[in-house]
Protein backbone atom coordinates (compact mmCIF):
# COMPACT_ATOMS: atom_id res chain seq x y z
CA UNK A 1 0.00 0.00 0.00
CA UNK A 2 1.53 3.25 -1.15
CA UNK A 3 1.34 6.38 0.97
CA UNK A 4 0.13 9.46 -0.96
CA UNK A 5 2.81 12.08 -1.59
CA UNK A 6 1.10 14.68 0.59
CA UNK A 7 1.31 12.43 3.67
CA UNK A 8 5.06 11.87 3.45
CA UNK A 9 7.02 13.99 5.87
CA UNK A 10 10.45 15.53 5.38
CA UNK A 11 11.61 13.50 8.36
CA UNK A 12 11.25 10.34 6.25
CA UNK A 13 13.63 11.77 3.65
CA UNK A 14 16.11 12.69 6.37
CA UNK A 15 15.83 9.18 7.80
CA UNK A 16 16.61 7.76 4.38
CA UNK A 17 19.72 9.92 4.01
CA UNK A 18 20.82 9.04 7.55
CA UNK A 19 20.35 5.33 6.85
CA UNK A 20 22.33 5.56 3.63
CA UNK A 21 25.15 7.44 5.37
CA UNK A 22 25.19 4.91 8.21
CA UNK A 23 25.31 2.06 5.71
CA UNK A 24 28.29 3.65 3.99
CA UNK A 25 30.03 4.34 7.31
CA UNK A 26 29.48 0.73 8.38
CA UNK A 27 31.29 -0.43 5.28
CA UNK A 28 34.06 2.14 5.72
CA UNK A 29 34.61 0.80 9.24
CA UNK A 30 36.03 -2.37 7.72
CA UNK A 31 39.07 -0.53 6.39
CA UNK A 32 39.41 2.57 8.60
CA UNK A 33 39.41 2.69 12.43
CA UNK A 34 36.51 0.35 13.24
CA UNK A 35 36.34 1.20 16.96
CA UNK A 36 35.60 4.83 16.10
CA UNK A 37 33.53 4.67 12.91
CA UNK A 38 31.26 1.66 13.46
CA UNK A 39 29.66 2.77 16.76
CA UNK A 40 28.87 6.16 15.22
CA UNK A 41 27.34 4.41 12.21
CA UNK A 42 25.18 2.23 14.44
CA UNK A 43 23.98 5.24 16.45
CA UNK A 44 23.03 7.14 13.30
CA UNK A 45 21.26 4.04 11.95
CA UNK A 46 19.32 3.59 15.19
CA UNK A 47 18.18 7.22 15.04
CA UNK A 48 17.01 6.58 11.46
CA UNK A 49 15.12 3.50 12.66
CA UNK A 50 13.51 5.62 15.37
CA UNK A 51 12.35 8.19 12.84
CA UNK A 52 10.79 5.36 10.86
CA UNK A 53 8.84 5.93 7.71
CA UNK A 54 9.25 4.26 4.38
CA UNK A 55 13.02 3.82 4.82
CA UNK A 56 12.82 1.67 7.94
CA UNK A 57 14.11 -1.46 6.17
CA UNK A 58 17.11 0.47 4.83
CA UNK A 59 17.80 1.73 8.33
CA UNK A 60 17.58 -1.81 9.71
CA UNK A 61 20.12 -2.95 7.13
CA UNK A 62 22.34 -0.02 8.12
CA UNK A 63 22.34 -1.27 11.73
CA UNK A 64 23.37 -4.71 10.50
CA UNK A 65 26.08 -3.20 8.28
CA UNK A 66 27.45 -1.24 11.24
CA UNK A 67 27.63 -4.34 13.42
CA UNK A 68 29.22 -6.45 10.70
CA UNK A 69 31.59 -3.60 9.80
CA UNK A 70 32.67 -3.36 13.43
CA UNK A 71 33.31 -7.09 13.75
CA UNK A 72 35.08 -7.54 10.42
CA UNK A 73 36.98 -4.27 10.81
CA UNK A 74 38.22 -5.20 14.27
CA UNK A 75 39.32 -8.59 12.98
CA UNK A 76 41.13 -7.09 9.99
CA UNK A 77 42.77 -4.39 12.13
CA UNK A 78 44.06 -6.91 14.65
CA UNK A 79 45.34 -9.34 12.04
CA UNK A 80 47.09 -6.64 10.00
CA UNK A 81 48.32 -4.58 12.96
CA UNK A 82 46.47 -1.38 12.00
CA UNK A 83 45.15 0.99 14.69
CA UNK A 84 41.72 0.25 16.12
CA UNK A 85 40.83 3.86 17.00
C-alpha atoms as a PDB file:
ATOM      1  CA  UNK A   1       0.000   0.000   0.000  1.00  0.00           C
ATOM      2  CA  UNK A   2       1.534   3.247  -1.146  1.00  0.00           C
ATOM      3  CA  UNK A   3       1.338   6.384   0.968  1.00  0.00           C
ATOM      4  CA  UNK A   4       0.133   9.463  -0.956  1.00  0.00           C
ATOM      5  CA  UNK A   5       2.815  12.078  -1.591  1.00  0.00           C
ATOM      6  CA  UNK A   6       1.102  14.680   0.594  1.00  0.00           C
ATOM      7  CA  UNK A   7       1.309  12.433   3.667  1.00  0.00           C
ATOM      8  CA  UNK A   8       5.057  11.865   3.448  1.00  0.00           C
ATOM      9  CA  UNK A   9       7.015  13.987   5.871  1.00  0.00           C
ATOM     10  CA  UNK A  10      10.447  15.535   5.375  1.00  0.00           C
ATOM     11  CA  UNK A  11      11.611  13.497   8.357  1.00  0.00           C
ATOM     12  CA  UNK A  12      11.252  10.345   6.253  1.00  0.00           C
ATOM     13  CA  UNK A  13      13.626  11.771   3.651  1.00  0.00           C
ATOM     14  CA  UNK A  14      16.112  12.693   6.372  1.00  0.00           C
ATOM     15  CA  UNK A  15      15.828   9.178   7.804  1.00  0.00           C
ATOM     16  CA  UNK A  16      16.609   7.758   4.379  1.00  0.00           C
ATOM     17  CA  UNK A  17      19.719   9.920   4.014  1.00  0.00           C
ATOM     18  CA  UNK A  18      20.817   9.042   7.547  1.00  0.00           C
ATOM     19  CA  UNK A  19      20.352   5.333   6.854  1.00  0.00           C
ATOM     20  CA  UNK A  20      22.335   5.558   3.628  1.00  0.00           C
ATOM     21  CA  UNK A  21      25.148   7.438   5.371  1.00  0.00           C
ATOM     22  CA  UNK A  22      25.192   4.912   8.207  1.00  0.00           C
ATOM     23  CA  UNK A  23      25.312   2.057   5.712  1.00  0.00           C
ATOM     24  CA  UNK A  24      28.291   3.655   3.990  1.00  0.00           C
ATOM     25  CA  UNK A  25      30.034   4.338   7.309  1.00  0.00           C
ATOM     26  CA  UNK A  26      29.482   0.733   8.382  1.00  0.00           C
ATOM     27  CA  UNK A  27      31.289  -0.429   5.277  1.00  0.00           C
ATOM     28  CA  UNK A  28      34.062   2.142   5.720  1.00  0.00           C
ATOM     29  CA  UNK A  29      34.615   0.803   9.240  1.00  0.00           C
ATOM     30  CA  UNK A  30      36.028  -2.370   7.718  1.00  0.00           C
ATOM     31  CA  UNK A  31      39.068  -0.528   6.387  1.00  0.00           C
ATOM     32  CA  UNK A  32      39.406   2.568   8.603  1.00  0.00           C
ATOM     33  CA  UNK A  33      39.411   2.690  12.426  1.00  0.00           C
ATOM     34  CA  UNK A  34      36.508   0.350  13.242  1.00  0.00           C
ATOM     35  CA  UNK A  35      36.339   1.199  16.956  1.00  0.00           C
ATOM     36  CA  UNK A  36      35.605   4.832  16.097  1.00  0.00           C
ATOM     37  CA  UNK A  37      33.534   4.671  12.908  1.00  0.00           C
ATOM     38  CA  UNK A  38      31.262   1.657  13.459  1.00  0.00           C
ATOM     39  CA  UNK A  39      29.659   2.771  16.757  1.00  0.00           C
ATOM     40  CA  UNK A  40      28.869   6.158  15.223  1.00  0.00           C
ATOM     41  CA  UNK A  41      27.340   4.407  12.211  1.00  0.00           C
ATOM     42  CA  UNK A  42      25.177   2.225  14.441  1.00  0.00           C
ATOM     43  CA  UNK A  43      23.977   5.235  16.454  1.00  0.00           C
ATOM     44  CA  UNK A  44      23.029   7.145  13.298  1.00  0.00           C
ATOM     45  CA  UNK A  45      21.259   4.044  11.951  1.00  0.00           C
ATOM     46  CA  UNK A  46      19.322   3.594  15.185  1.00  0.00           C
ATOM     47  CA  UNK A  47      18.178   7.215  15.036  1.00  0.00           C
ATOM     48  CA  UNK A  48      17.015   6.585  11.461  1.00  0.00           C
ATOM     49  CA  UNK A  49      15.116   3.502  12.662  1.00  0.00           C
ATOM     50  CA  UNK A  50      13.514   5.623  15.374  1.00  0.00           C
ATOM     51  CA  UNK A  51      12.348   8.188  12.841  1.00  0.00           C
ATOM     52  CA  UNK A  52      10.786   5.360  10.864  1.00  0.00           C
ATOM     53  CA  UNK A  53       8.845   5.927   7.706  1.00  0.00           C
ATOM     54  CA  UNK A  54       9.251   4.257   4.384  1.00  0.00           C
ATOM     55  CA  UNK A  55      13.023   3.818   4.817  1.00  0.00           C
ATOM     56  CA  UNK A  56      12.820   1.666   7.936  1.00  0.00           C
ATOM     57  CA  UNK A  57      14.113  -1.458   6.167  1.00  0.00           C
ATOM     58  CA  UNK A  58      17.111   0.468   4.827  1.00  0.00           C
ATOM     59  CA  UNK A  59      17.800   1.728   8.331  1.00  0.00           C
ATOM     60  CA  UNK A  60      17.584  -1.809   9.707  1.00  0.00           C
ATOM     61  CA  UNK A  61      20.119  -2.947   7.134  1.00  0.00           C
ATOM     62  CA  UNK A  62      22.336  -0.023   8.119  1.00  0.00           C
ATOM     63  CA  UNK A  63      22.336  -1.265  11.729  1.00  0.00           C
ATOM     64  CA  UNK A  64      23.373  -4.713  10.500  1.00  0.00           C
ATOM     65  CA  UNK A  65      26.079  -3.197   8.281  1.00  0.00           C
ATOM     66  CA  UNK A  66      27.445  -1.245  11.244  1.00  0.00           C
ATOM     67  CA  UNK A  67      27.626  -4.339  13.423  1.00  0.00           C
ATOM     68  CA  UNK A  68      29.220  -6.447  10.702  1.00  0.00           C
ATOM     69  CA  UNK A  69      31.587  -3.599   9.804  1.00  0.00           C
ATOM     70  CA  UNK A  70      32.667  -3.355  13.426  1.00  0.00           C
ATOM     71  CA  UNK A  71      33.309  -7.095  13.754  1.00  0.00           C
ATOM     72  CA  UNK A  72      35.082  -7.544  10.425  1.00  0.00           C
ATOM     73  CA  UNK A  73      36.979  -4.273  10.808  1.00  0.00           C
ATOM     74  CA  UNK A  74      38.222  -5.203  14.274  1.00  0.00           C
ATOM     75  CA  UNK A  75      39.319  -8.589  12.978  1.00  0.00           C
ATOM     76  CA  UNK A  76      41.134  -7.094   9.988  1.00  0.00           C
ATOM     77  CA  UNK A  77      42.769  -4.394  12.125  1.00  0.00           C
ATOM     78  CA  UNK A  78      44.056  -6.908  14.650  1.00  0.00           C
ATOM     79  CA  UNK A  79      45.345  -9.340  12.044  1.00  0.00           C
ATOM     80  CA  UNK A  80      47.087  -6.637  10.005  1.00  0.00           C
ATOM     81  CA  UNK A  81      48.317  -4.582  12.958  1.00  0.00           C
ATOM     82  CA  UNK A  82      46.467  -1.381  11.998  1.00  0.00           C
ATOM     83  CA  UNK A  83      45.149   0.989  14.692  1.00  0.00           C
ATOM     84  CA  UNK A  84      41.716   0.253  16.119  1.00  0.00           C
ATOM     85  CA  UNK A  85      40.825   3.857  17.004  1.00  0.00           C
END
